[in-house]
Amino acid sequence: MLHACHGKILRQCDTLKKLSTHLPEKGCDQQARQAAQGILRYFDSAGQFHHQDEEQDVFPALRLSAGSDHAQLDALLERLLSEHVVMLAAWMHCVRCCCNSPTGWIHRCLKH
């Protein structure tokens, strides 16, 4: 399940990358609007819930299964938690620049 979720995240990132080249070439056509809406919907819902699921369910289960030898696992999980914070900050920056700003390309596309 985690592998499938991570694959979906990567596909959404790939769509975002494609959209950034599609817009200058073809503008805010229907395909671009659908892609932008899908990216926003995914990262504002399922993408966020994925991290919550990991932090609330997967990480504690891993800690329990580690037994007494958990130093490496604790370090790994702390790194993953830090990465979640960084990814959320990056997404919020993307939303501010691309969606909420009147000059942002997703904002302009969705307003057409």
PDB file of N, CA and C in Angstrom:
ATOM      1  N   MET A   1       0.812  -1.187   0.000  1.00  0.00           N
ATOM      2  CA  MET A   1       0.000   0.000   0.000  1.00  0.00           C
ATOM      3  C   MET A   1       0.866   1.266   0.000  1.00  0.00           C
ATOM      4  N   LEU A   2       1.909   1.281   0.847  1.00  0.00           N
ATOM      5  CA  LEU A   2       2.786   2.450   0.877  1.00  0.00           C
ATOM      6  C   LEU A   2       3.468   2.662  -0.466  1.00  0.00           C
ATOM      7  N   HIS A   3       3.869   1.572  -1.087  1.00  0.00           N
ATOM      8  CA  HIS A   3       4.513   1.682  -2.399  1.00  0.00           C
ATOM      9  C   HIS A   3       3.561   2.304  -3.414  1.00  0.00           C
ATOM     10  N   ALA A   4       2.312   1.884  -3.393  1.00  0.00           N
ATOM     11  CA  ALA A   4       1.319   2.449  -4.314  1.00  0.00           C
ATOM     12  C   ALA A   4       1.098   3.933  -4.039  1.00  0.00           C
ATOM     13  N   CYS A   5       1.046   4.312  -2.763  1.00  0.00           N
ATOM     14  CA  CYS A   5       0.865   5.730  -2.411  1.00  0.00           C
ATOM     15  C   CYS A   5       2.044   6.561  -2.881  1.00  0.00           C
ATOM     16  N   HIS A   6       3.249   6.050  -2.660  1.00  0.00           N
ATOM     17  CA  HIS A   6       4.431   6.791  -3.087  1.00  0.00           C
ATOM     18  C   HIS A   6       4.473   6.897  -4.608  1.00  0.00           C
ATOM     19  N   GLY A   7       4.036   5.864  -5.290  1.00  0.00           N
ATOM     20  CA  GLY A   7       3.956   5.919  -6.749  1.00  0.00           C
ATOM     21  C   GLY A   7       2.984   6.991  -7.215  1.00  0.00           C
ATOM     22  N   LYS A   8       1.854   7.095  -6.550  1.00  0.00           N
ATOM     23  CA  LYS A   8       0.859   8.128  -6.887  1.00  0.00           C
ATOM     24  C   LYS A   8       1.436   9.523  -6.664  1.00  0.00           C
ATOM     25  N   ILE A   9       2.164   9.705  -5.582  1.00  0.00           N
ATOM     26  CA  ILE A   9       2.808  11.001  -5.313  1.00  0.00           C
ATOM     27  C   ILE A   9       3.780  11.336  -6.433  1.00  0.00           C
ATOM     28  N   LEU A  10       4.583  10.377  -6.833  1.00  0.00           N
ATOM     29  CA  LEU A  10       5.547  10.620  -7.914  1.00  0.00           C
ATOM     30  C   LEU A  10       4.848  10.944  -9.230  1.00  0.00           C
ATOM     31  N   ARG A  11       3.729  10.267  -9.499  1.00  0.00           N
ATOM     32  CA  ARG A  11       2.978  10.560 -10.727  1.00  0.00           C
ATOM     33  C   ARG A  11       2.406  11.978 -10.691  1.00  0.00           C
ATOM     34  N   GLN A  12       1.924  12.411  -9.532  1.00  0.00           N
ATOM     35  CA  GLN A  12       1.409  13.774  -9.414  1.00  0.00           C
ATOM     36  C   GLN A  12       2.527  14.798  -9.622  1.00  0.00           C
ATOM     37  N   CYS A  13       3.696  14.511  -9.074  1.00  0.00           N
ATOM     38  CA  CYS A  13       4.851  15.402  -9.282  1.00  0.00           C
ATOM     39  C   CYS A  13       5.235  15.443 -10.757  1.00  0.00           C
ATOM     40  N   ASP A  14       5.169  14.298 -11.424  1.00  0.00           N
ATOM     41  CA  ASP A  14       5.463  14.245 -12.852  1.00  0.00           C
ATOM     42  C   ASP A  14       4.433  15.062 -13.640  1.00  0.00           C
ATOM     43  N   THR A  15       3.171  14.971 -13.253  1.00  0.00           N
ATOM     44  CA  THR A  15       2.126  15.766 -13.910  1.00  0.00           C
ATOM     45  C   THR A  15       2.379  17.256 -13.702  1.00  0.00           C
ATOM     46  N   LEU A  16       2.790  17.637 -12.507  1.00  0.00           N
ATOM     47  CA  LEU A  16       3.108  19.042 -12.229  1.00  0.00           C
ATOM     48  C   LEU A  16       4.252  19.521 -13.119  1.00  0.00           C
ATOM     49  N   LYS A  17       5.254  18.687 -13.269  1.00  0.00           N
ATOM     50  CA  LYS A  17       6.391  19.036 -14.134  1.00  0.00           C
ATOM     51  C   LYS A  17       5.939  19.194 -15.588  1.00  0.00           C
ATOM     52  N   LYS A  18       5.116  18.262 -16.051  1.00  0.00           N
ATOM     53  CA  LYS A  18       4.602  18.336 -17.422  1.00  0.00           C
ATOM     54  C   LYS A  18       3.737  19.576 -17.616  1.00  0.00           C
ATOM     55  N   LEU A  19       2.963  19.911 -16.604  1.00  0.00           N
ATOM     56  CA  LEU A  19       2.100  21.084 -16.687  1.00  0.00           C
ATOM     57  C   LEU A  19       2.920  22.362 -16.824  1.00  0.00           C
ATOM     58  N   SER A  20       4.052  22.416 -16.156  1.00  0.00           N
ATOM     59  CA  SER A  20       4.891  23.612 -16.230  1.00  0.00           C
ATOM     60  C   SER A  20       5.460  23.830 -17.636  1.00  0.00           C
ATOM     61  N   THR A  21       5.592  22.772 -18.421  1.00  0.00           N
ATOM     62  CA  THR A  21       6.031  22.946 -19.809  1.00  0.00           C
ATOM     63  C   THR A  21       4.841  23.052 -20.762  1.00  0.00           C
ATOM     64  N   HIS A  22       3.725  22.448 -20.396  1.00  0.00           N
ATOM     65  CA  HIS A  22       2.520  22.481 -21.234  1.00  0.00           C
ATOM     66  C   HIS A  22       1.951  23.902 -21.326  1.00  0.00           C
ATOM     67  N   LEU A  23       1.889  24.578 -20.185  1.00  0.00           N
ATOM     68  CA  LEU A  23       1.254  25.900 -20.159  1.00  0.00           C
ATOM     69  C   LEU A  23       1.900  26.919 -21.101  1.00  0.00           C
ATOM     70  N   PRO A  24       3.230  27.066 -21.121  1.00  0.00           N
ATOM     71  CA  PRO A  24       3.811  28.041 -22.057  1.00  0.00           C
ATOM     72  C   PRO A  24       3.574  27.680 -23.534  1.00  0.00           C
ATOM     73  N   GLU A  25       3.470  26.383 -23.810  1.00  0.00           N
ATOM     74  CA  GLU A  25       3.300  25.942 -25.191  1.00  0.00           C
ATOM     75  C   GLU A  25       1.842  25.994 -25.664  1.00  0.00           C
ATOM     76  N   LYS A  26       0.917  25.562 -24.784  1.00  0.00           N
ATOM     77  CA  LYS A  26      -0.476  25.417 -25.212  1.00  0.00           C
ATOM     78  C   LYS A  26      -1.457  26.249 -24.409  1.00  0.00           C
ATOM     79  N   GLY A  27      -0.961  26.907 -23.366  1.00  0.00           N
ATOM     80  CA  GLY A  27      -1.842  27.751 -22.557  1.00  0.00           C
ATOM     81  C   GLY A  27      -2.722  26.948 -21.626  1.00  0.00           C
ATOM     82  N   CYS A  28      -3.713  27.620 -21.093  1.00  0.00           N
ATOM     83  CA  CYS A  28      -4.625  27.022 -20.098  1.00  0.00           C
ATOM     84  C   CYS A  28      -5.798  26.340 -20.775  1.00  0.00           C
ATOM     85  N   ASP A  29      -5.497  25.307 -21.516  1.00  0.00           N
ATOM     86  CA  ASP A  29      -6.562  24.560 -22.176  1.00  0.00           C
ATOM     87  C   ASP A  29      -7.238  23.614 -21.171  1.00  0.00           C
ATOM     88  N   GLN A  30      -8.214  22.882 -21.628  1.00  0.00           N
ATOM     89  CA  GLN A  30      -8.957  21.976 -20.755  1.00  0.00           C
ATOM     90  C   GLN A  30      -8.045  20.948 -20.099  1.00  0.00           C
ATOM     91  N   GLN A  31      -7.100  20.435 -20.846  1.00  0.00           N
ATOM     92  CA  GLN A  31      -6.171  19.438 -20.305  1.00  0.00           C
ATOM     93  C   GLN A  31      -5.355  20.034 -19.158  1.00  0.00           C
ATOM     94  N   ALA A  32      -4.895  21.259 -19.324  1.00  0.00           N
ATOM     95  CA  ALA A  32      -4.116  21.920 -18.268  1.00  0.00           C
ATOM     96  C   ALA A  32      -4.980  22.185 -17.040  1.00  0.00           C
ATOM     97  N   ARG A  33      -6.206  22.630 -17.241  1.00  0.00           N
ATOM     98  CA  ARG A  33      -7.098  22.885 -16.106  1.00  0.00           C
ATOM     99  C   ARG A  33      -7.376  21.602 -15.324  1.00  0.00           C
ATOM    100  N   GLN A  34      -7.633  20.522 -16.037  1.00  0.00           N
ATOM    101  CA  GLN A  34      -7.893  19.249 -15.363  1.00  0.00           C
ATOM    102  C   GLN A  34      -6.667  18.770 -14.593  1.00  0.00           C
ATOM    103  N   ALA A  35      -5.501  18.924 -15.190  1.00  0.00           N
ATOM    104  CA  ALA A  35      -4.264  18.511 -14.522  1.00  0.00           C
ATOM    105  C   ALA A  35      -4.028  19.343 -13.260  1.00  0.00           C
ATOM    106  N   ALA A  36      -4.203  20.643 -13.366  1.00  0.00           N
ATOM    107  CA  ALA A  36      -4.004  21.526 -12.212  1.00  0.00           C
ATOM    108  C   ALA A  36      -4.976  21.190 -11.095  1.00  0.00           C
ATOM    109  N   GLN A  37      -6.233  20.981 -11.441  1.00  0.00           N
ATOM    110  CA  GLN A  37      -7.230  20.629 -10.426  1.00  0.00           C
ATOM    111  C   GLN A  37      -6.902  19.293  -9.760  1.00  0.00           C
ATOM    112  N   GLY A  38      -6.458  18.331 -10.552  1.00  0.00           N
ATOM    113  CA  GLY A  38      -6.101  17.023 -10.004  1.00  0.00           C
ATOM    114  C   GLY A  38      -4.924  17.092  -9.054  1.00  0.00           C
ATOM    115  N   ILE A  39      -3.912  17.864  -9.401  1.00  0.00           N
ATOM    116  CA  ILE A  39      -2.736  18.027  -8.553  1.00  0.00           C
ATOM    117  C   ILE A  39      -3.137  18.673  -7.227  1.00  0.00           C
ATOM    118  N   LEU A  40      -3.888  19.758  -7.315  1.00  0.00           N
ATOM    119  CA  LEU A  40      -4.320  20.446  -6.095  1.00  0.00           C
ATOM    120  C   LEU A  40      -5.167  19.530  -5.214  1.00  0.00           C
ATOM    121  N   ARG A  41      -6.108  18.850  -5.819  1.00  0.00           N
ATOM    122  CA  ARG A  41      -6.996  17.961  -5.066  1.00  0.00           C
ATOM    123  C   ARG A  41      -6.180  16.864  -4.371  1.00  0.00           C
ATOM    124  N   TYR A  42      -5.232  16.286  -5.084  1.00  0.00           N
ATOM    125  CA  TYR A  42      -4.459  15.195  -4.509  1.00  0.00           C
ATOM    126  C   TYR A  42      -3.611  15.672  -3.331  1.00  0.00           C
ATOM    127  N   PHE A  43      -2.824  16.718  -3.541  1.00  0.00           N
ATOM    128  CA  PHE A  43      -1.906  17.141  -2.481  1.00  0.00           C
ATOM    129  C   PHE A  43      -2.607  17.840  -1.324  1.00  0.00           C
ATOM    130  N   ASP A  44      -3.799  18.349  -1.544  1.00  0.00           N
ATOM    131  CA  ASP A  44      -4.547  18.943  -0.440  1.00  0.00           C
ATOM    132  C   ASP A  44      -5.345  17.906   0.342  1.00  0.00           C
ATOM    133  N   SER A  45      -5.430  16.691  -0.172  1.00  0.00           N
ATOM    134  CA  SER A  45      -6.197  15.667   0.536  1.00  0.00           C
ATOM    135  C   SER A  45      -5.355  14.409   0.737  1.00  0.00           C
ATOM    136  N   ALA A  46      -5.352  13.538  -0.223  1.00  0.00           N
ATOM    137  CA  ALA A  46      -4.689  12.237  -0.076  1.00  0.00           C
ATOM    138  C   ALA A  46      -3.206  12.367   0.254  1.00  0.00           C
ATOM    139  N   GLY A  47      -2.539  13.322  -0.355  1.00  0.00           N
ATOM    140  CA  GLY A  47      -1.113  13.519  -0.078  1.00  0.00           C
ATOM    141  C   GLY A  47      -0.857  13.856   1.376  1.00  0.00           C
ATOM    142  N   GLN A  48      -1.692  14.703   1.942  1.00  0.00           N
ATOM    143  CA  GLN A  48      -1.558  15.059   3.354  1.00  0.00           C
ATOM    144  C   GLN A  48      -1.931  13.890   4.259  1.00  0.00           C
ATOM    145  N   PHE A  49      -2.996  13.185   3.908  1.00  0.00           N
ATOM    146  CA  PHE A  49      -3.425  12.052   4.724  1.00  0.00           C
ATOM    147  C   PHE A  49      -2.392  10.936   4.719  1.00  0.00           C
ATOM    148  N   HIS A  50      -1.655  10.824   3.634  1.00  0.00           N
ATOM    149  CA  HIS A  50      -0.624   9.794   3.548  1.00  0.00           C
ATOM    150  C   HIS A  50       0.413   9.996   4.649  1.00  0.00           C
ATOM    151  N   HIS A  51       0.884  11.207   4.811  1.00  0.00           N
ATOM    152  CA  HIS A  51       1.874  11.484   5.857  1.00  0.00           C
ATOM    153  C   HIS A  51       1.279  11.253   7.240  1.00  0.00           C
ATOM    154  N   GLN A  52       0.051  11.666   7.434  1.00  0.00           N
ATOM    155  CA  GLN A  52      -0.604  11.439   8.723  1.00  0.00           C
ATOM    156  C   GLN A  52      -0.715   9.944   9.020  1.00  0.00           C
ATOM    157  N   ASP A  53      -1.084   9.161   8.006  1.00  0.00           N
ATOM    158  CA  ASP A  53      -1.188   7.714   8.189  1.00  0.00           C
ATOM    159  C   ASP A  53       0.161   7.117   8.583  1.00  0.00           C
ATOM    160  N   GLU A  54       1.214   7.531   7.899  1.00  0.00           N
ATOM    161  CA  GLU A  54       2.546   7.028   8.241  1.00  0.00           C
ATOM    162  C   GLU A  54       2.903   7.372   9.681  1.00  0.00           C
ATOM    163  N   GLU A  55       2.686   8.625  10.040  1.00  0.00           N
ATOM    164  CA  GLU A  55       3.094   9.096  11.365  1.00  0.00           C
ATOM    165  C   GLU A  55       2.257   8.478  12.480  1.00  0.00           C
ATOM    166  N   GLN A  56       0.976   8.251  12.243  1.00  0.00           N
ATOM    167  CA  GLN A  56       0.094   7.748  13.293  1.00  0.00           C
ATOM    168  C   GLN A  56       0.039   6.223  13.359  1.00  0.00           C
ATOM    169  N   ASP A  57       0.225   5.558  12.222  1.00  0.00           N
ATOM    170  CA  ASP A  57       0.054   4.104  12.194  1.00  0.00           C
ATOM    171  C   ASP A  57       1.354   3.345  11.906  1.00  0.00           C
ATOM    172  N   VAL A  58       2.046   3.742  10.859  1.00  0.00           N
ATOM    173  CA  VAL A  58       3.215   2.970  10.424  1.00  0.00           C
ATOM    174  C   VAL A  58       4.405   3.177  11.360  1.00  0.00           C
ATOM    175  N   PHE A  59       4.739   4.420  11.661  1.00  0.00           N
ATOM    176  CA  PHE A  59       5.923   4.676  12.481  1.00  0.00           C
ATOM    177  C   PHE A  59       5.809   4.036  13.868  1.00  0.00           C
ATOM    178  N   PRO A  60       4.669   4.189  14.571  1.00  0.00           N
ATOM    179  CA  PRO A  60       4.562   3.519  15.878  1.00  0.00           C
ATOM    180  C   PRO A  60       4.663   1.989  15.771  1.00  0.00           C
ATOM    181  N   ALA A  61       4.071   1.417  14.733  1.00  0.00           N
ATOM    182  CA  ALA A  61       4.152  -0.038  14.554  1.00  0.00           C
ATOM    183  C   ALA A  61       5.596  -0.475  14.318  1.00  0.00           C
ATOM    184  N   LEU A  62       6.333   0.306  13.553  1.00  0.00           N
ATOM    185  CA  LEU A  62       7.743  -0.016  13.336  1.00  0.00           C
ATOM    186  C   LEU A  62       8.530   0.075  14.638  1.00  0.00           C
ATOM    187  N   ARG A  63       8.237   1.105  15.433  1.00  0.00           N
ATOM    188  CA  ARG A  63       8.934   1.247  16.716  1.00  0.00           C
ATOM    189  C   ARG A  63       8.655   0.055  17.629  1.00  0.00           C
ATOM    190  N   LEU A  64       7.416  -0.400  17.648  1.00  0.00           N
ATOM    191  CA  LEU A  64       7.078  -1.558  18.482  1.00  0.00           C
ATOM    192  C   LEU A  64       7.786  -2.820  18.012  1.00  0.00           C
ATOM    193  N   SER A  65       7.923  -2.969  16.713  1.00  0.00           N
ATOM    194  CA  SER A  65       8.539  -4.182  16.176  1.00  0.00           C
ATOM    195  C   SER A  65      10.055  -4.184  16.304  1.00  0.00           C
ATOM    196  N   ALA A  66      10.646  -3.025  16.596  1.00  0.00           N
ATOM    197  CA  ALA A  66      12.103  -2.930  16.668  1.00  0.00           C
ATOM    198  C   ALA A  66      12.667  -3.540  17.939  1.00  0.00           C
ATOM    199  N   GLY A  67      11.843  -3.694  18.947  1.00  0.00           N
ATOM    200  CA  GLY A  67      12.328  -4.259  20.203  1.00  0.00           C
ATOM    201  C   GLY A  67      13.323  -3.330  20.873  1.00  0.00           C
ATOM    202  N   SER A  68      14.368  -3.923  21.441  1.00  0.00           N
ATOM    203  CA  SER A  68      15.333  -3.118  22.200  1.00  0.00           C
ATOM    204  C   SER A  68      16.387  -2.461  21.317  1.00  0.00           C
ATOM    205  N   ASP A  69      16.542  -2.932  20.097  1.00  0.00           N
ATOM    206  CA  ASP A  69      17.560  -2.373  19.190  1.00  0.00           C
ATOM    207  C   ASP A  69      16.886  -1.383  18.241  1.00  0.00           C
ATOM    208  N   HIS A  70      16.613  -0.188  18.740  1.00  0.00           N
ATOM    209  CA  HIS A  70      15.813   0.749  17.968  1.00  0.00           C
ATOM    210  C   HIS A  70      16.526   2.061  17.649  1.00  0.00           C
ATOM    211  N   ALA A  71      17.793   2.190  17.964  1.00  0.00           N
ATOM    212  CA  ALA A  71      18.495   3.463  17.748  1.00  0.00           C
ATOM    213  C   ALA A  71      18.507   3.852  16.269  1.00  0.00           C
ATOM    214  N   GLN A  72      18.848   2.923  15.390  1.00  0.00           N
ATOM    215  CA  GLN A  72      18.872   3.242  13.958  1.00  0.00           C
ATOM    216  C   GLN A  72      17.484   3.550  13.430  1.00  0.00           C
ATOM    217  N   LEU A  73      16.511   2.778  13.874  1.00  0.00           N
ATOM    218  CA  LEU A  73      15.138   3.014  13.436  1.00  0.00           C
ATOM    219  C   LEU A  73      14.653   4.377  13.909  1.00  0.00           C
ATOM    220  N   ASP A  74      14.933   4.724  15.156  1.00  0.00           N
ATOM    221  CA  ASP A  74      14.523   6.034  15.666  1.00  0.00           C
ATOM    222  C   ASP A  74      15.141   7.152  14.843  1.00  0.00           C
ATOM    223  N   ALA A  75      16.408   7.006  14.486  1.00  0.00           N
ATOM    224  CA  ALA A  75      17.074   8.028  13.667  1.00  0.00           C
ATOM    225  C   ALA A  75      16.415   8.125  12.295  1.00  0.00           C
ATOM    226  N   LEU A  76      16.109   6.990  11.701  1.00  0.00           N
ATOM    227  CA  LEU A  76      15.446   6.980  10.394  1.00  0.00           C
ATOM    228  C   LEU A  76      14.069   7.630  10.469  1.00  0.00           C
ATOM    229  N   LEU A  77      13.292   7.273  11.477  1.00  0.00           N
ATOM    230  CA  LEU A  77      11.950   7.833  11.598  1.00  0.00           C
ATOM    231  C   LEU A  77      11.994   9.331  11.883  1.00  0.00           C
ATOM    232  N   GLU A  78      12.958   9.781  12.644  1.00  0.00           N
ATOM    233  CA  GLU A  78      13.107  11.231  12.869  1.00  0.00           C
ATOM    234  C   GLU A  78      13.443  11.948  11.562  1.00  0.00           C
ATOM    235  N   ARG A  79      14.289  11.312  10.743  1.00  0.00           N
ATOM    236  CA  ARG A  79      14.604  11.903   9.432  1.00  0.00           C
ATOM    237  C   ARG A  79      13.357  11.961   8.562  1.00  0.00           C
ATOM    238  N   LEU A  80      12.564  10.900   8.564  1.00  0.00           N
ATOM    239  CA  LEU A  80      11.335  10.885   7.771  1.00  0.00           C
ATOM    240  C   LEU A  80      10.346  11.943   8.260  1.00  0.00           C
ATOM    241  N   LEU A  81      10.218  12.107   9.569  1.00  0.00           N
ATOM    242  CA  LEU A  81       9.348  13.156  10.105  1.00  0.00           C
ATOM    243  C   LEU A  81       9.820  14.529   9.656  1.00  0.00           C
ATOM    244  N   SER A  82      11.128  14.739   9.679  1.00  0.00           N
ATOM    245  CA  SER A  82      11.686  16.015   9.215  1.00  0.00           C
ATOM    246  C   SER A  82      11.407  16.226   7.735  1.00  0.00           C
ATOM    247  N   GLU A  83      11.511  15.154   6.953  1.00  0.00           N
ATOM    248  CA  GLU A  83      11.216  15.261   5.521  1.00  0.00           C
ATOM    249  C   GLU A  83       9.742  15.601   5.297  1.00  0.00           C
ATOM    250  N   HIS A  84       8.859  15.059   6.109  1.00  0.00           N
ATOM    251  CA  HIS A  84       7.439  15.401   5.994  1.00  0.00           C
ATOM    252  C   HIS A  84       7.223  16.890   6.222  1.00  0.00           C
ATOM    253  N   VAL A  85       7.917  17.452   7.198  1.00  0.00           N
ATOM    254  CA  VAL A  85       7.805  18.886   7.483  1.00  0.00           C
ATOM    255  C   VAL A  85       8.310  19.691   6.288  1.00  0.00           C
ATOM    256  N   VAL A  86       9.439  19.287   5.728  1.00  0.00           N
ATOM    257  CA  VAL A  86      10.019  19.983   4.575  1.00  0.00           C
ATOM    258  C   VAL A  86       9.085  19.892   3.365  1.00  0.00           C
ATOM    259  N   MET A  87       8.508  18.706   3.134  1.00  0.00           N
ATOM    260  CA  MET A  87       7.609  18.540   1.986  1.00  0.00           C
ATOM    261  C   MET A  87       6.340  19.365   2.143  1.00  0.00           C
ATOM    262  N   LEU A  88       5.813  19.428   3.350  1.00  0.00           N
ATOM    263  CA  LEU A  88       4.630  20.248   3.580  1.00  0.00           C
ATOM    264  C   LEU A  88       4.950  21.722   3.344  1.00  0.00           C
ATOM    265  N   ALA A  89       6.102  22.171   3.818  1.00  0.00           N
ATOM    266  CA  ALA A  89       6.508  23.560   3.598  1.00  0.00           C
ATOM    267  C   ALA A  89       6.688  23.837   2.106  1.00  0.00           C
ATOM    268  N   ALA A  90       7.264  22.897   1.381  1.00  0.00           N
ATOM    269  CA  ALA A  90       7.443  23.066  -0.064  1.00  0.00           C
ATOM    270  C   ALA A  90       6.087  23.140  -0.765  1.00  0.00           C
ATOM    271  N   TRP A  91       5.139  22.295  -0.349  1.00  0.00           N
ATOM    272  CA  TRP A  91       3.808  22.329  -0.953  1.00  0.00           C
ATOM    273  C   TRP A  91       3.123  23.659  -0.656  1.00  0.00           C
ATOM    274  N   MET A  92       3.225  24.131   0.571  1.00  0.00           N
ATOM    275  CA  MET A  92       2.595  25.402   0.940  1.00  0.00           C
ATOM    276  C   MET A  92       3.220  26.558   0.130  1.00  0.00           C
ATOM    277  N   HIS A  93       4.519  26.490  -0.097  1.00  0.00           N
ATOM    278  CA  HIS A  93       5.188  27.502  -0.921  1.00  0.00           C
ATOM    279  C   HIS A  93       4.676  27.429  -2.364  1.00  0.00           C
ATOM    280  N   CYS A  94       4.540  26.221  -2.867  1.00  0.00           N
ATOM    281  CA  CYS A  94       4.019  26.038  -4.227  1.00  0.00           C
ATOM    282  C   CYS A  94       2.614  26.608  -4.338  1.00  0.00           C
ATOM    283  N   VAL A  95       1.780  26.335  -3.349  1.00  0.00           N
ATOM    284  CA  VAL A  95       0.413  26.845  -3.367  1.00  0.00           C
ATOM    285  C   VAL A  95       0.415  28.370  -3.358  1.00  0.00           C
ATOM    286  N   ARG A  96       1.245  28.960  -2.498  1.00  0.00           N
ATOM    287  CA  ARG A  96       1.307  30.428  -2.428  1.00  0.00           C
ATOM    288  C   ARG A  96       1.761  31.018  -3.760  1.00  0.00           C
ATOM    289  N   CYS A  97       2.785  30.450  -4.353  1.00  0.00           N
ATOM    290  CA  CYS A  97       3.363  31.016  -5.578  1.00  0.00           C
ATOM    291  C   CYS A  97       2.549  30.702  -6.826  1.00  0.00           C
ATOM    292  N   CYS A  98       2.083  29.487  -6.926  1.00  0.00           N
ATOM    293  CA  CYS A  98       1.452  29.038  -8.168  1.00  0.00           C
ATOM    294  C   CYS A  98      -0.067  29.133  -8.157  1.00  0.00           C
ATOM    295  N   CYS A  99      -0.655  29.094  -6.980  1.00  0.00           N
ATOM    296  CA  CYS A  99      -2.115  29.019  -6.915  1.00  0.00           C
ATOM    297  C   CYS A  99      -2.746  30.289  -6.360  1.00  0.00           C
ATOM    298  N   ASN A 100      -2.252  30.761  -5.247  1.00  0.00           N
ATOM    299  CA  ASN A 100      -2.896  31.885  -4.578  1.00  0.00           C
ATOM    300  C   ASN A 100      -2.464  33.237  -5.134  1.00  0.00           C
ATOM    301  N   SER A 101      -1.291  33.304  -5.700  1.00  0.00           N
ATOM    302  CA  SER A 101      -0.814  34.558  -6.276  1.00  0.00           C
ATOM    303  C   SER A 101      -1.506  34.801  -7.618  1.00  0.00           C
ATOM    304  N   PRO A 102      -2.016  36.006  -7.837  1.00  0.00           N
ATOM    305  CA  PRO A 102      -2.670  36.293  -9.130  1.00  0.00           C
ATOM    306  C   PRO A 102      -1.740  36.089 -10.327  1.00  0.00           C
ATOM    307  N   THR A 103      -0.430  36.118 -10.089  1.00  0.00           N
ATOM    308  CA  THR A 103       0.508  35.899 -11.194  1.00  0.00           C
ATOM    309  C   THR A 103       0.925  34.432 -11.305  1.00  0.00           C
ATOM    310  N   GLY A 104       0.496  33.603 -10.372  1.00  0.00           N
ATOM    311  CA  GLY A 104       0.855  32.188 -10.412  1.00  0.00           C
ATOM    312  C   GLY A 104       0.183  31.467 -11.566  1.00  0.00           C
ATOM    313  N   TRP A 105       0.901  30.573 -12.211  1.00  0.00           N
ATOM    314  CA  TRP A 105       0.383  29.954 -13.429  1.00  0.00           C
ATOM    315  C   TRP A 105      -0.797  29.030 -13.166  1.00  0.00           C
ATOM    316  N   ILE A 106      -0.846  28.355 -12.041  1.00  0.00           N
ATOM    317  CA  ILE A 106      -2.017  27.512 -11.774  1.00  0.00           C
ATOM    318  C   ILE A 106      -3.223  28.396 -11.483  1.00  0.00           C
ATOM    319  N   HIS A 107      -3.017  29.472 -10.747  1.00  0.00           N
ATOM    320  CA  HIS A 107      -4.106  30.409 -10.447  1.00  0.00           C
ATOM    321  C   HIS A 107      -4.692  30.933 -11.747  1.00  0.00           C
ATOM    322  N   ARG A 108      -3.834  31.387 -12.642  1.00  0.00           N
ATOM    323  CA  ARG A 108      -4.312  31.930 -13.927  1.00  0.00           C
ATOM    324  C   ARG A 108      -5.046  30.854 -14.720  1.00  0.00           C
ATOM    325  N   CYS A 109      -4.539  29.662 -14.678  1.00  0.00           N
ATOM    326  CA  CYS A 109      -5.144  28.571 -15.451  1.00  0.00           C
ATOM    327  C   CYS A 109      -6.529  28.225 -14.903  1.00  0.00           C
ATOM    328  N   LEU A 110      -6.646  28.136 -13.597  1.00  0.00           N
ATOM    329  CA  LEU A 110      -7.920  27.739 -13.000  1.00  0.00           C
ATOM    330  C   LEU A 110      -8.966  28.840 -13.098  1.00  0.00           C
ATOM    331  N   LYS A 111      -8.541  30.085 -13.311  1.00  0.00           N
ATOM    332  CA  LYS A 111      -9.483  31.195 -13.402  1.00  0.00           C
ATOM    333  C   LYS A 111     -10.025  31.385 -14.811  1.00  0.00           C
ATOM    334  N   HIS A 112      -9.467  30.653 -15.764  1.00  0.00           N
ATOM    335  CA  HIS A 112      -9.959  30.773 -17.149  1.00  0.00           C
ATOM    336  C   HIS A 112     -11.271  30.059 -17.311  1.00  0.00           C
TER     337      HIS A 112
END
